[in-house]
Amino acid sequence: MNGRPISEFASLQKATKSWLETWRAFWLPALISNNKIDYAPFNSSLQQLHKNQTKPSHTVLVNMVTKAYKDQETDILGRHGKKNFTFEEFLHHVLWTHDFGFQDPHWISVYDLCEPCARRYDHVVHMETAQEELRDLLNLVGHPPVNVTLHPIKPLPDFHMYLGLPKLLLDKIIQLYWLDFHLFGYSEQFIQS
């Protein structure tokens, strides 16, 4: 969505989830994590989760949020349905979901998702050069040549998005993805710059 309001989601053509599912899965939790709505209903659900010793997951988070705010959802939608989130607010939300164990599979660390210490991988493909590396990898395993076309990746990441962010926030994000940076061979200088 590139920071656009959730209300614009309905107009996207290749949507796989309904607008309301996306609202409940992403926008409503982000409102909670950024203190834009009353935290009490979620806190009550969180205490119940710990009492029941349920393992947190993104699905559990969505179910908790939906249940906790069902009586207020129409009002919250009316007040926040066109809410935009800044990149800084998004990063706070990423840290919040991680801290509670509700990591969304869209931004969970590759290290946690793929468990490189528990599984053996013979090849790791960098997204920056994936198109070329996938051709080489397919050739290496004896697959007939195919035209590999991926969505274009910008030649340079959006480093400007990190300018002006609080140092403490950046330090926490770097810490969260520290093993990913090393897993993919990024230099210490790159990580700290």
C-alpha atoms as a PDB file:
ATOM      1  CA  MET A   1       0.000   0.000   0.000  1.00  0.00           C
ATOM      2  CA  ASN A   2       3.059   2.275   0.262  1.00  0.00           C
ATOM      3  CA  GLY A   3       1.562   4.186   3.192  1.00  0.00           C
ATOM      4  CA  ARG A   4      -1.740   4.922   1.454  1.00  0.00           C
ATOM      5  CA  PRO A   5      -4.964   4.792   3.479  1.00  0.00           C
ATOM      6  CA  ILE A   6      -6.642   1.431   3.992  1.00  0.00           C
ATOM      7  CA  SER A   7      -9.733   2.885   2.299  1.00  0.00           C
ATOM      8  CA  GLU A   8      -7.843   2.815  -1.021  1.00  0.00           C
ATOM      9  CA  PHE A   9      -7.297  -0.933  -0.680  1.00  0.00           C
ATOM     10  CA  ALA A  10     -10.731  -1.767  -2.114  1.00  0.00           C
ATOM     11  CA  SER A  11      -9.740  -0.285  -5.466  1.00  0.00           C
ATOM     12  CA  LEU A  12      -6.658  -2.471  -5.925  1.00  0.00           C
ATOM     13  CA  GLN A  13      -7.328  -5.033  -8.622  1.00  0.00           C
ATOM     14  CA  LYS A  14      -5.269  -7.998  -7.484  1.00  0.00           C
ATOM     15  CA  ALA A  15      -6.448  -8.032  -3.877  1.00  0.00           C
ATOM     16  CA  THR A  16      -6.516 -11.493  -2.321  1.00  0.00           C
ATOM     17  CA  LYS A  17      -8.145 -10.404   0.929  1.00  0.00           C
ATOM     18  CA  SER A  18     -11.244  -8.367   1.478  1.00  0.00           C
ATOM     19  CA  TRP A  19     -10.948  -4.794   2.647  1.00  0.00           C
ATOM     20  CA  LEU A  20     -12.301  -5.755   6.099  1.00  0.00           C
ATOM     21  CA  GLU A  21      -9.870  -8.681   6.445  1.00  0.00           C
ATOM     22  CA  THR A  22      -6.982  -6.346   5.650  1.00  0.00           C
ATOM     23  CA  TRP A  23      -8.321  -3.750   8.086  1.00  0.00           C
ATOM     24  CA  ARG A  24      -8.437  -6.359  10.866  1.00  0.00           C
ATOM     25  CA  ALA A  25      -5.097  -7.953   9.994  1.00  0.00           C
ATOM     26  CA  PHE A  26      -2.989  -4.818   9.564  1.00  0.00           C
ATOM     27  CA  TRP A  27      -4.618  -1.458  10.201  1.00  0.00           C
ATOM     28  CA  LEU A  28      -6.445  -2.207  13.460  1.00  0.00           C
ATOM     29  CA  PRO A  29      -3.355  -3.797  15.105  1.00  0.00           C
ATOM     30  CA  ALA A  30      -1.251  -0.853  13.859  1.00  0.00           C
ATOM     31  CA  LEU A  31      -3.703   1.574  15.473  1.00  0.00           C
ATOM     32  CA  ILE A  32      -3.297  -0.322  18.748  1.00  0.00           C
ATOM     33  CA  SER A  33       0.500  -0.553  18.572  1.00  0.00           C
ATOM     34  CA  ASN A  34       0.794   3.179  17.852  1.00  0.00           C
ATOM     35  CA  ASN A  35      -1.614   4.158  20.667  1.00  0.00           C
ATOM     36  CA  LYS A  36      -4.164   5.623  18.245  1.00  0.00           C
ATOM     37  CA  ILE A  37      -7.052   3.787  19.935  1.00  0.00           C
ATOM     38  CA  ASP A  38      -7.790   2.603  23.479  1.00  0.00           C
ATOM     39  CA  TYR A  39      -5.404  -0.197  24.422  1.00  0.00           C
ATOM     40  CA  ALA A  40      -7.590  -1.633  27.223  1.00  0.00           C
ATOM     41  CA  PRO A  41      -9.678  -4.110  25.161  1.00  0.00           C
ATOM     42  CA  PHE A  42      -6.533  -5.561  23.591  1.00  0.00           C
ATOM     43  CA  ASN A  43      -4.723  -5.696  26.946  1.00  0.00           C
ATOM     44  CA  SER A  44      -7.607  -7.710  28.401  1.00  0.00           C
ATOM     45  CA  SER A  45      -7.372 -10.178  25.500  1.00  0.00           C
ATOM     46  CA  LEU A  46      -3.597 -10.339  25.890  1.00  0.00           C
ATOM     47  CA  GLN A  47      -3.920 -11.254  29.571  1.00  0.00           C
ATOM     48  CA  GLN A  48      -6.377 -14.014  28.613  1.00  0.00           C
ATOM     49  CA  LEU A  49      -3.912 -15.277  25.996  1.00  0.00           C
ATOM     50  CA  HIS A  50      -1.161 -15.577  28.615  1.00  0.00           C
ATOM     51  CA  LYS A  51      -3.570 -17.191  31.075  1.00  0.00           C
ATOM     52  CA  ASN A  52      -4.478 -19.841  28.485  1.00  0.00           C
ATOM     53  CA  GLN A  53      -0.792 -20.167  27.507  1.00  0.00           C
ATOM     54  CA  THR A  54      -1.700 -19.913  23.839  1.00  0.00           C
ATOM     55  CA  LYS A  55       1.285 -19.573  21.515  1.00  0.00           C
ATOM     56  CA  PRO A  56       1.147 -16.143  19.872  1.00  0.00           C
ATOM     57  CA  SER A  57       0.953 -15.911  16.090  1.00  0.00           C
ATOM     58  CA  HIS A  58      -0.282 -13.338  13.607  1.00  0.00           C
ATOM     59  CA  THR A  59      -3.530 -15.318  13.199  1.00  0.00           C
ATOM     60  CA  VAL A  60      -4.033 -15.287  16.978  1.00  0.00           C
ATOM     61  CA  LEU A  61      -3.409 -11.513  16.969  1.00  0.00           C
ATOM     62  CA  VAL A  62      -6.017 -10.929  14.242  1.00  0.00           C
ATOM     63  CA  ASN A  63      -8.565 -13.069  16.095  1.00  0.00           C
ATOM     64  CA  MET A  64      -7.834 -11.306  19.405  1.00  0.00           C
ATOM     65  CA  VAL A  65      -8.123  -7.840  17.885  1.00  0.00           C
ATOM     66  CA  THR A  66     -11.311  -8.708  15.998  1.00  0.00           C
ATOM     67  CA  LYS A  67     -12.927 -10.092  19.152  1.00  0.00           C
ATOM     68  CA  ALA A  68     -11.644  -7.343  21.472  1.00  0.00           C
ATOM     69  CA  TYR A  69     -12.880  -4.480  19.273  1.00  0.00           C
ATOM     70  CA  LYS A  70     -15.989  -6.009  17.654  1.00  0.00           C
ATOM     71  CA  ASP A  71     -18.379  -3.702  19.538  1.00  0.00           C
ATOM     72  CA  GLN A  72     -16.296  -0.625  18.661  1.00  0.00           C
ATOM     73  CA  GLU A  73     -15.255  -1.563  15.133  1.00  0.00           C
ATOM     74  CA  THR A  74     -17.811   0.604  13.314  1.00  0.00           C
ATOM     75  CA  ASP A  75     -16.840   3.647  15.393  1.00  0.00           C
ATOM     76  CA  ILE A  76     -13.111   2.972  14.960  1.00  0.00           C
ATOM     77  CA  LEU A  77     -13.593   2.505  11.210  1.00  0.00           C
ATOM     78  CA  GLY A  78     -15.415   5.822  11.041  1.00  0.00           C
ATOM     79  CA  ARG A  79     -12.628   7.643  12.861  1.00  0.00           C
ATOM     80  CA  HIS A  80      -9.591   5.835  11.431  1.00  0.00           C
ATOM     81  CA  GLY A  81     -10.675   4.164   8.169  1.00  0.00           C
ATOM     82  CA  LYS A  82      -8.664   6.636   6.105  1.00  0.00           C
ATOM     83  CA  LYS A  83      -5.656   6.677   8.438  1.00  0.00           C
ATOM     84  CA  ASN A  84      -2.179   6.829   6.940  1.00  0.00           C
ATOM     85  CA  PHE A  85       0.799   5.449   8.824  1.00  0.00           C
ATOM     86  CA  THR A  86       4.243   6.938   8.597  1.00  0.00           C
ATOM     87  CA  PHE A  87       7.259   4.721   8.043  1.00  0.00           C
ATOM     88  CA  GLU A  88       8.264   5.410  11.644  1.00  0.00           C
ATOM     89  CA  GLU A  89       4.846   4.231  12.881  1.00  0.00           C
ATOM     90  CA  PHE A  90       5.162   1.114  10.734  1.00  0.00           C
ATOM     91  CA  LEU A  91       8.569   0.324  12.266  1.00  0.00           C
ATOM     92  CA  HIS A  92       7.107   0.796  15.763  1.00  0.00           C
ATOM     93  CA  HIS A  93       4.376  -1.651  14.780  1.00  0.00           C
ATOM     94  CA  VAL A  94       6.936  -4.192  13.509  1.00  0.00           C
ATOM     95  CA  LEU A  95       8.776  -4.000  16.846  1.00  0.00           C
ATOM     96  CA  TRP A  96       5.514  -4.211  18.799  1.00  0.00           C
ATOM     97  CA  THR A  97       4.371  -7.354  16.966  1.00  0.00           C
ATOM     98  CA  HIS A  98       7.810  -8.893  17.490  1.00  0.00           C
ATOM     99  CA  ASP A  99       7.872  -8.045  21.201  1.00  0.00           C
ATOM    100  CA  PHE A 100       4.499  -9.748  21.726  1.00  0.00           C
ATOM    101  CA  GLY A 101       5.387 -12.720  19.514  1.00  0.00           C
ATOM    102  CA  PHE A 102       2.790 -11.839  16.854  1.00  0.00           C
ATOM    103  CA  GLN A 103       5.259 -11.550  13.988  1.00  0.00           C
ATOM    104  CA  ASP A 104       3.567 -11.116  10.669  1.00  0.00           C
ATOM    105  CA  PRO A 105       4.995 -13.403   7.975  1.00  0.00           C
ATOM    106  CA  HIS A 106       5.399 -10.363   5.704  1.00  0.00           C
ATOM    107  CA  TRP A 107       8.090  -8.827   7.913  1.00  0.00           C
ATOM    108  CA  ILE A 108       9.338 -11.620  10.144  1.00  0.00           C
ATOM    109  CA  SER A 109      13.101 -11.972   9.892  1.00  0.00           C
ATOM    110  CA  VAL A 110      14.337 -14.433   7.283  1.00  0.00           C
ATOM    111  CA  TYR A 111      16.427 -16.034  10.018  1.00  0.00           C
ATOM    112  CA  ASP A 112      13.304 -16.777  12.092  1.00  0.00           C
ATOM    113  CA  LEU A 113      11.219 -17.771   9.084  1.00  0.00           C
ATOM    114  CA  CYS A 114      13.727 -20.102   7.420  1.00  0.00           C
ATOM    115  CA  GLU A 115      15.633 -21.380  10.490  1.00  0.00           C
ATOM    116  CA  PRO A 116      19.059 -21.625   8.813  1.00  0.00           C
ATOM    117  CA  CYS A 117      20.607 -23.181  11.925  1.00  0.00           C
ATOM    118  CA  ALA A 118      18.000 -25.954  12.000  1.00  0.00           C
ATOM    119  CA  ARG A 119      17.879 -26.638   8.245  1.00  0.00           C
ATOM    120  CA  ARG A 120      20.528 -27.143   5.611  1.00  0.00           C
ATOM    121  CA  TYR A 121      20.453 -24.758   2.660  1.00  0.00           C
ATOM    122  CA  ASP A 122      22.807 -25.208  -0.236  1.00  0.00           C
ATOM    123  CA  HIS A 123      22.020 -21.867  -1.868  1.00  0.00           C
ATOM    124  CA  VAL A 124      20.943 -18.419  -0.725  1.00  0.00           C
ATOM    125  CA  VAL A 125      19.694 -15.963  -3.329  1.00  0.00           C
ATOM    126  CA  HIS A 126      19.981 -12.225  -2.741  1.00  0.00           C
ATOM    127  CA  MET A 127      16.887 -10.313  -3.820  1.00  0.00           C
ATOM    128  CA  GLU A 128      19.028  -7.525  -5.259  1.00  0.00           C
ATOM    129  CA  THR A 129      20.474  -9.947  -7.827  1.00  0.00           C
ATOM    130  CA  ALA A 130      17.823 -12.691  -7.762  1.00  0.00           C
ATOM    131  CA  GLN A 131      17.066 -12.697 -11.479  1.00  0.00           C
ATOM    132  CA  GLU A 132      20.666 -13.541 -12.424  1.00  0.00           C
ATOM    133  CA  GLU A 133      21.220 -15.848  -9.442  1.00  0.00           C
ATOM    134  CA  LEU A 134      18.055 -17.857 -10.136  1.00  0.00           C
ATOM    135  CA  ARG A 135      19.194 -18.505 -13.719  1.00  0.00           C
ATOM    136  CA  ASP A 136      22.557 -19.748 -12.395  1.00  0.00           C
ATOM    137  CA  LEU A 137      20.875 -21.841  -9.701  1.00  0.00           C
ATOM    138  CA  LEU A 138      18.475 -23.482 -12.173  1.00  0.00           C
ATOM    139  CA  ASN A 139      21.419 -24.237 -14.471  1.00  0.00           C
ATOM    140  CA  LEU A 140      23.393 -25.684 -11.544  1.00  0.00           C
ATOM    141  CA  VAL A 141      20.619 -28.154 -10.650  1.00  0.00           C
ATOM    142  CA  GLY A 142      20.228 -29.180 -14.294  1.00  0.00           C
ATOM    143  CA  HIS A 143      16.954 -27.433 -15.033  1.00  0.00           C
ATOM    144  CA  PRO A 144      16.469 -26.456 -18.671  1.00  0.00           C
ATOM    145  CA  PRO A 145      17.024 -22.744 -19.347  1.00  0.00           C
ATOM    146  CA  VAL A 146      13.999 -20.589 -18.599  1.00  0.00           C
ATOM    147  CA  ASN A 147      13.421 -16.881 -18.793  1.00  0.00           C
ATOM    148  CA  VAL A 148      13.259 -15.745 -15.169  1.00  0.00           C
ATOM    149  CA  THR A 149      11.475 -12.432 -14.803  1.00  0.00           C
ATOM    150  CA  LEU A 150      10.908 -10.939 -11.383  1.00  0.00           C
ATOM    151  CA  HIS A 151       9.259  -7.728 -10.351  1.00  0.00           C
ATOM    152  CA  PRO A 152      11.810  -4.976 -10.832  1.00  0.00           C
ATOM    153  CA  ILE A 153      13.825  -4.195  -7.740  1.00  0.00           C
ATOM    154  CA  LYS A 154      15.156  -0.705  -7.288  1.00  0.00           C
ATOM    155  CA  PRO A 155      18.894  -0.469  -7.894  1.00  0.00           C
ATOM    156  CA  LEU A 156      19.278   1.301  -4.551  1.00  0.00           C
ATOM    157  CA  PRO A 157      17.138   0.689  -1.465  1.00  0.00           C
ATOM    158  CA  ASP A 158      15.014   3.473  -0.032  1.00  0.00           C
ATOM    159  CA  PHE A 159      17.668   4.641   2.416  1.00  0.00           C
ATOM    160  CA  HIS A 160      16.084   8.096   2.488  1.00  0.00           C
ATOM    161  CA  MET A 161      13.175   6.597   4.432  1.00  0.00           C
ATOM    162  CA  TYR A 162      15.506   6.022   7.380  1.00  0.00           C
ATOM    163  CA  LEU A 163      16.788   9.590   7.509  1.00  0.00           C
ATOM    164  CA  GLY A 164      15.472  11.473  10.502  1.00  0.00           C
ATOM    165  CA  LEU A 165      14.238   8.392  12.352  1.00  0.00           C
ATOM    166  CA  PRO A 166      15.108   8.214  16.059  1.00  0.00           C
ATOM    167  CA  LYS A 167      18.422   6.440  16.670  1.00  0.00           C
ATOM    168  CA  LEU A 168      16.876   4.196  19.326  1.00  0.00           C
ATOM    169  CA  LEU A 169      14.243   2.996  16.840  1.00  0.00           C
ATOM    170  CA  LEU A 170      16.886   2.286  14.182  1.00  0.00           C
ATOM    171  CA  ASP A 171      19.046   0.449  16.710  1.00  0.00           C
ATOM    172  CA  LYS A 172      16.093  -1.779  17.645  1.00  0.00           C
ATOM    173  CA  ILE A 173      15.290  -2.516  13.986  1.00  0.00           C
ATOM    174  CA  ILE A 174      18.943  -3.351  13.283  1.00  0.00           C
ATOM    175  CA  GLN A 175      18.975  -5.626  16.324  1.00  0.00           C
ATOM    176  CA  LEU A 176      15.770  -7.353  15.166  1.00  0.00           C
ATOM    177  CA  TYR A 177      17.201  -8.081  11.704  1.00  0.00           C
ATOM    178  CA  TRP A 178      20.867  -8.410  12.744  1.00  0.00           C
ATOM    179  CA  LEU A 179      21.108 -12.102  11.879  1.00  0.00           C
ATOM    180  CA  ASP A 180      19.459 -11.474   8.497  1.00  0.00           C
ATOM    181  CA  PHE A 181      22.082  -8.879   7.633  1.00  0.00           C
ATOM    182  CA  HIS A 182      24.828 -11.369   8.450  1.00  0.00           C
ATOM    183  CA  LEU A 183      23.035 -14.294   6.821  1.00  0.00           C
ATOM    184  CA  PHE A 184      22.929 -12.405   3.536  1.00  0.00           C
ATOM    185  CA  GLY A 185      26.530 -11.236   3.833  1.00  0.00           C
ATOM    186  CA  TYR A 186      26.012  -7.507   4.340  1.00  0.00           C
ATOM    187  CA  SER A 187      29.103  -5.824   5.711  1.00  0.00           C
ATOM    188  CA  GLU A 188      29.247  -4.344   9.183  1.00  0.00           C
ATOM    189  CA  GLN A 189      29.809  -0.925   7.589  1.00  0.00           C
ATOM    190  CA  PHE A 190      26.643  -1.289   5.468  1.00  0.00           C
ATOM    191  CA  ILE A 191      24.563  -2.252   8.501  1.00  0.00           C
ATOM    192  CA  GLN A 192      25.785   0.658  10.613  1.00  0.00           C
ATOM    193  CA  SER A 193      25.538   3.306   7.870  1.00  0.00           C
END
